[in-house]
Amino acid sequence: MNAAETLKRARSEARLSQRLLALRAGVPQSAIARIERGRVIPRVDTLDRLLAACGMRLDLRRSRPGEGVDRTLIAEMLQLTPDERVERGVQAARALAELRSAMRRK
């Protein structure tokens, strides 16, 4: 999740308007609007202050290798023979080429 989505969700859950959040956090309302529209990426300390004003906190953690990976797809692919995997790759490449070609025609 990016800063814009994170801030919008936090503000919504706290039931705060941009104006009230601005007053609580000491950040201009226009800055909050730009962050929420994704026009500005806030500094970490600014995002932390805004989230704190919503009653939340910024939690930074290192990701572990393999975290967020859909292991069911890996297990599925490992059940295929090498030839079947190659064929799937060829099919995916063809589909991508067709998509690119269709996009160029538009």
N, C-alpha and C. Protein backbone atom coordinates (compact mmCIF):
# COMPACT_ATOMS: atom_id res chain seq x y z
N MET A 1 0.85 -1.17 0.00
CA MET A 1 0.00 0.00 0.00
C MET A 1 0.90 1.24 0.00
N ASN A 2 0.53 2.25 -0.77
CA ASN A 2 1.35 3.45 -0.84
C ASN A 2 0.88 4.49 0.18
N ALA A 3 1.61 5.59 0.25
CA ALA A 3 1.32 6.63 1.25
C ALA A 3 -0.07 7.22 1.05
N ALA A 4 -0.47 7.45 -0.20
CA ALA A 4 -1.78 8.04 -0.48
C ALA A 4 -2.90 7.16 0.05
N GLU A 5 -2.84 5.88 -0.28
CA GLU A 5 -3.88 4.94 0.17
C GLU A 5 -3.86 4.78 1.68
N THR A 6 -2.67 4.72 2.24
CA THR A 6 -2.52 4.55 3.69
C THR A 6 -3.14 5.72 4.43
N LEU A 7 -2.83 6.93 3.99
CA LEU A 7 -3.35 8.11 4.66
C LEU A 7 -4.86 8.23 4.49
N LYS A 8 -5.36 7.99 3.28
CA LYS A 8 -6.81 8.06 3.05
C LYS A 8 -7.55 7.08 3.94
N ARG A 9 -7.03 5.85 4.02
CA ARG A 9 -7.69 4.83 4.84
C ARG A 9 -7.65 5.21 6.32
N ALA A 10 -6.50 5.68 6.80
CA ALA A 10 -6.38 6.06 8.21
C ALA A 10 -7.32 7.22 8.54
N ARG A 11 -7.36 8.22 7.67
CA ARG A 11 -8.23 9.39 7.91
C ARG A 11 -9.69 8.98 7.89
N SER A 12 -10.04 8.10 6.97
CA SER A 12 -11.42 7.63 6.88
C SER A 12 -11.81 6.84 8.12
N GLU A 13 -10.94 5.94 8.56
CA GLU A 13 -11.24 5.15 9.76
C GLU A 13 -11.33 6.01 11.01
N ALA A 14 -10.54 7.09 11.04
CA ALA A 14 -10.59 8.01 12.19
C ALA A 14 -11.75 9.00 12.06
N ARG A 15 -12.43 8.96 10.91
CA ARG A 15 -13.56 9.86 10.64
C ARG A 15 -13.18 11.33 10.77
N LEU A 16 -12.06 11.65 10.12
CA LEU A 16 -11.56 13.03 10.15
C LEU A 16 -11.63 13.62 8.75
N SER A 17 -11.98 14.88 8.68
CA SER A 17 -11.88 15.59 7.41
C SER A 17 -10.41 15.96 7.21
N GLN A 18 -10.07 16.33 6.00
CA GLN A 18 -8.69 16.77 5.75
C GLN A 18 -8.39 18.01 6.61
N ARG A 19 -9.37 18.87 6.74
CA ARG A 19 -9.17 20.10 7.52
C ARG A 19 -8.89 19.80 8.98
N LEU A 20 -9.68 18.89 9.57
CA LEU A 20 -9.48 18.56 10.98
C LEU A 20 -8.14 17.84 11.18
N LEU A 21 -7.79 16.96 10.25
CA LEU A 21 -6.49 16.28 10.33
C LEU A 21 -5.37 17.30 10.25
N ALA A 22 -5.51 18.27 9.38
CA ALA A 22 -4.49 19.31 9.24
C ALA A 22 -4.30 20.06 10.55
N LEU A 23 -5.40 20.39 11.21
CA LEU A 23 -5.31 21.11 12.49
C LEU A 23 -4.64 20.24 13.55
N ARG A 24 -5.01 18.97 13.61
CA ARG A 24 -4.44 18.07 14.62
C ARG A 24 -2.95 17.81 14.40
N ALA A 25 -2.56 17.68 13.13
CA ALA A 25 -1.18 17.29 12.82
C ALA A 25 -0.26 18.48 12.58
N GLY A 26 -0.84 19.67 12.41
CA GLY A 26 -0.01 20.83 12.12
C GLY A 26 0.58 20.80 10.72
N VAL A 27 -0.19 20.23 9.81
CA VAL A 27 0.22 20.14 8.40
C VAL A 27 -0.84 20.85 7.58
N PRO A 28 -0.45 21.65 6.58
CA PRO A 28 -1.46 22.33 5.77
C PRO A 28 -2.43 21.35 5.10
N GLN A 29 -3.70 21.73 5.06
CA GLN A 29 -4.72 20.88 4.43
C GLN A 29 -4.37 20.62 2.98
N SER A 30 -3.82 21.60 2.30
CA SER A 30 -3.47 21.42 0.89
C SER A 30 -2.40 20.34 0.72
N ALA A 31 -1.49 20.23 1.68
CA ALA A 31 -0.47 19.18 1.62
C ALA A 31 -1.10 17.81 1.78
N ILE A 32 -2.08 17.71 2.67
CA ILE A 32 -2.78 16.44 2.87
C ILE A 32 -3.50 16.04 1.58
N ALA A 33 -4.15 17.01 0.94
CA ALA A 33 -4.86 16.74 -0.31
C ALA A 33 -3.89 16.25 -1.39
N ARG A 34 -2.72 16.88 -1.50
CA ARG A 34 -1.74 16.46 -2.50
C ARG A 34 -1.21 15.06 -2.21
N ILE A 35 -1.01 14.75 -0.94
CA ILE A 35 -0.54 13.40 -0.56
C ILE A 35 -1.60 12.37 -0.93
N GLU A 36 -2.85 12.64 -0.58
CA GLU A 36 -3.93 11.69 -0.83
C GLU A 36 -4.20 11.50 -2.32
N ARG A 37 -3.92 12.50 -3.13
CA ARG A 37 -4.08 12.37 -4.58
C ARG A 37 -2.87 11.70 -5.23
N GLY A 38 -1.84 11.46 -4.44
CA GLY A 38 -0.64 10.83 -4.97
C GLY A 38 0.27 11.77 -5.72
N ARG A 39 0.04 13.06 -5.57
CA ARG A 39 0.88 14.06 -6.26
C ARG A 39 2.18 14.32 -5.53
N VAL A 40 2.18 14.02 -4.23
CA VAL A 40 3.36 14.24 -3.39
C VAL A 40 3.58 12.99 -2.55
N ILE A 41 4.82 12.58 -2.43
CA ILE A 41 5.17 11.48 -1.53
C ILE A 41 5.75 12.14 -0.28
N PRO A 42 5.07 11.97 0.86
CA PRO A 42 5.53 12.66 2.07
C PRO A 42 6.79 12.04 2.65
N ARG A 43 7.51 12.85 3.41
CA ARG A 43 8.64 12.31 4.17
C ARG A 43 8.07 11.35 5.21
N VAL A 44 8.88 10.43 5.66
CA VAL A 44 8.44 9.43 6.63
C VAL A 44 7.95 10.10 7.90
N ASP A 45 8.65 11.12 8.38
CA ASP A 45 8.22 11.77 9.63
C ASP A 45 6.89 12.49 9.45
N THR A 46 6.63 13.03 8.26
CA THR A 46 5.35 13.70 8.01
C THR A 46 4.23 12.67 7.99
N LEU A 47 4.42 11.56 7.28
CA LEU A 47 3.40 10.52 7.24
C LEU A 47 3.15 9.96 8.64
N ASP A 48 4.20 9.78 9.40
CA ASP A 48 4.07 9.28 10.77
C ASP A 48 3.24 10.25 11.63
N ARG A 49 3.50 11.54 11.47
CA ARG A 49 2.74 12.56 12.24
C ARG A 49 1.27 12.55 11.83
N LEU A 50 0.99 12.43 10.54
CA LEU A 50 -0.39 12.40 10.07
C LEU A 50 -1.12 11.16 10.56
N LEU A 51 -0.45 10.02 10.50
CA LEU A 51 -1.08 8.79 10.99
C LEU A 51 -1.31 8.84 12.50
N ALA A 52 -0.36 9.41 13.23
CA ALA A 52 -0.52 9.55 14.68
C ALA A 52 -1.74 10.41 15.01
N ALA A 53 -1.96 11.45 14.22
CA ALA A 53 -3.13 12.31 14.44
C ALA A 53 -4.43 11.57 14.15
N CYS A 54 -4.34 10.47 13.39
CA CYS A 54 -5.50 9.62 13.12
C CYS A 54 -5.62 8.50 14.14
N GLY A 55 -4.69 8.47 15.11
CA GLY A 55 -4.72 7.43 16.13
C GLY A 55 -4.04 6.15 15.68
N MET A 56 -3.19 6.25 14.66
CA MET A 56 -2.49 5.08 14.15
C MET A 56 -1.00 5.34 14.15
N ARG A 57 -0.24 4.30 13.84
CA ARG A 57 1.19 4.51 13.78
C ARG A 57 1.76 3.84 12.54
N LEU A 58 2.87 4.36 12.13
CA LEU A 58 3.58 3.82 10.98
C LEU A 58 4.47 2.69 11.49
N ASP A 59 4.34 1.53 10.90
CA ASP A 59 5.11 0.37 11.34
C ASP A 59 5.99 -0.08 10.18
N LEU A 60 7.28 0.16 10.32
CA LEU A 60 8.23 -0.22 9.28
C LEU A 60 8.91 -1.51 9.68
N ARG A 61 8.84 -2.49 8.81
CA ARG A 61 9.47 -3.78 9.06
C ARG A 61 10.23 -4.21 7.83
N ARG A 62 11.27 -4.96 8.06
CA ARG A 62 11.98 -5.55 6.94
C ARG A 62 11.15 -6.70 6.41
N SER A 63 11.09 -6.80 5.11
CA SER A 63 10.39 -7.95 4.55
C SER A 63 11.34 -9.13 4.52
N ARG A 64 10.77 -10.28 4.74
CA ARG A 64 11.56 -11.50 4.71
C ARG A 64 11.51 -12.09 3.31
N PRO A 65 12.57 -12.75 2.88
CA PRO A 65 12.54 -13.38 1.56
C PRO A 65 11.35 -14.32 1.44
N GLY A 66 10.63 -14.20 0.35
CA GLY A 66 9.47 -15.06 0.12
C GLY A 66 8.18 -14.54 0.69
N GLU A 67 8.24 -13.46 1.46
CA GLU A 67 7.02 -12.91 2.05
C GLU A 67 6.17 -12.30 0.94
N GLY A 68 4.89 -12.60 0.94
CA GLY A 68 3.99 -12.07 -0.07
C GLY A 68 3.98 -12.87 -1.36
N VAL A 69 4.62 -14.03 -1.35
CA VAL A 69 4.67 -14.88 -2.53
C VAL A 69 3.54 -15.90 -2.45
N ASP A 70 2.82 -16.08 -3.57
CA ASP A 70 1.76 -17.07 -3.61
C ASP A 70 2.39 -18.44 -3.84
N ARG A 71 2.59 -19.18 -2.78
CA ARG A 71 3.28 -20.46 -2.87
C ARG A 71 2.45 -21.53 -3.57
N THR A 72 1.12 -21.33 -3.64
CA THR A 72 0.30 -22.32 -4.34
C THR A 72 0.65 -22.34 -5.83
N LEU A 73 0.95 -21.19 -6.41
CA LEU A 73 1.33 -21.15 -7.82
C LEU A 73 2.67 -21.84 -8.04
N ILE A 74 3.58 -21.67 -7.12
CA ILE A 74 4.88 -22.33 -7.23
C ILE A 74 4.69 -23.84 -7.16
N ALA A 75 3.89 -24.29 -6.20
CA ALA A 75 3.64 -25.74 -6.06
C ALA A 75 2.98 -26.29 -7.32
N GLU A 76 2.04 -25.53 -7.90
CA GLU A 76 1.37 -25.95 -9.13
C GLU A 76 2.38 -26.12 -10.27
N MET A 77 3.26 -25.15 -10.43
CA MET A 77 4.24 -25.20 -11.50
C MET A 77 5.22 -26.36 -11.30
N LEU A 78 5.55 -26.67 -10.06
CA LEU A 78 6.49 -27.76 -9.79
C LEU A 78 5.89 -29.12 -10.10
N GLN A 79 4.56 -29.19 -10.19
CA GLN A 79 3.90 -30.44 -10.56
C GLN A 79 3.99 -30.72 -12.06
N LEU A 80 4.29 -29.68 -12.85
CA LEU A 80 4.39 -29.82 -14.30
C LEU A 80 5.75 -30.38 -14.70
N THR A 81 5.77 -31.01 -15.85
CA THR A 81 7.06 -31.46 -16.39
C THR A 81 7.79 -30.24 -16.95
N PRO A 82 9.10 -30.35 -17.16
CA PRO A 82 9.83 -29.22 -17.76
C PRO A 82 9.24 -28.80 -19.11
N ASP A 83 8.84 -29.76 -19.94
CA ASP A 83 8.24 -29.42 -21.24
C ASP A 83 6.93 -28.66 -21.07
N GLU A 84 6.12 -29.07 -20.08
CA GLU A 84 4.85 -28.36 -19.82
C GLU A 84 5.12 -26.93 -19.35
N ARG A 85 6.15 -26.74 -18.55
CA ARG A 85 6.49 -25.39 -18.09
C ARG A 85 6.92 -24.52 -19.25
N VAL A 86 7.73 -25.09 -20.15
CA VAL A 86 8.17 -24.33 -21.32
C VAL A 86 6.96 -23.95 -22.17
N GLU A 87 6.04 -24.88 -22.37
CA GLU A 87 4.85 -24.60 -23.18
C GLU A 87 4.02 -23.48 -22.55
N ARG A 88 3.89 -23.50 -21.24
CA ARG A 88 3.15 -22.41 -20.57
C ARG A 88 3.85 -21.07 -20.79
N GLY A 89 5.18 -21.07 -20.73
CA GLY A 89 5.94 -19.85 -20.97
C GLY A 89 5.75 -19.34 -22.39
N VAL A 90 5.74 -20.25 -23.36
CA VAL A 90 5.53 -19.88 -24.77
C VAL A 90 4.13 -19.30 -24.93
N GLN A 91 3.12 -19.92 -24.33
CA GLN A 91 1.75 -19.42 -24.41
C GLN A 91 1.65 -18.02 -23.80
N ALA A 92 2.30 -17.80 -22.67
CA ALA A 92 2.26 -16.49 -22.02
C ALA A 92 2.94 -15.44 -22.90
N ALA A 93 4.05 -15.82 -23.54
CA ALA A 93 4.77 -14.89 -24.42
C ALA A 93 3.91 -14.53 -25.63
N ARG A 94 3.21 -15.50 -26.19
CA ARG A 94 2.31 -15.22 -27.33
C ARG A 94 1.18 -14.28 -26.91
N ALA A 95 0.59 -14.55 -25.76
CA ALA A 95 -0.50 -13.70 -25.28
C ALA A 95 -0.02 -12.27 -25.06
N LEU A 96 1.19 -12.12 -24.52
CA LEU A 96 1.75 -10.79 -24.30
C LEU A 96 2.00 -10.09 -25.63
N ALA A 97 2.51 -10.81 -26.62
CA ALA A 97 2.76 -10.23 -27.94
C ALA A 97 1.45 -9.78 -28.57
N GLU A 98 0.39 -10.58 -28.43
CA GLU A 98 -0.92 -10.20 -28.97
C GLU A 98 -1.45 -8.95 -28.29
N LEU A 99 -1.28 -8.88 -26.99
CA LEU A 99 -1.73 -7.71 -26.25
C LEU A 99 -0.99 -6.46 -26.70
N ARG A 100 0.32 -6.57 -26.83
CA ARG A 100 1.11 -5.42 -27.29
C ARG A 100 0.68 -4.98 -28.68
N SER A 101 0.44 -5.94 -29.55
CA SER A 101 0.01 -5.63 -30.91
C SER A 101 -1.34 -4.92 -30.90
N ALA A 102 -2.26 -5.40 -30.08
CA ALA A 102 -3.58 -4.77 -29.98
C ALA A 102 -3.47 -3.35 -29.44
N MET A 103 -2.57 -3.13 -28.49
CA MET A 103 -2.39 -1.80 -27.92
C MET A 103 -1.82 -0.82 -28.94
N ARG A 104 -0.94 -1.31 -29.81
CA ARG A 104 -0.35 -0.45 -30.84
C ARG A 104 -1.39 -0.05 -31.88
N ARG A 105 -2.35 -0.92 -32.15
CA ARG A 105 -3.39 -0.62 -33.15
C ARG A 105 -4.35 0.45 -32.67
N LYS A 106 -4.48 0.64 -31.37
CA LYS A 106 -5.44 1.62 -30.82
C LYS A 106 -4.98 3.01 -30.99
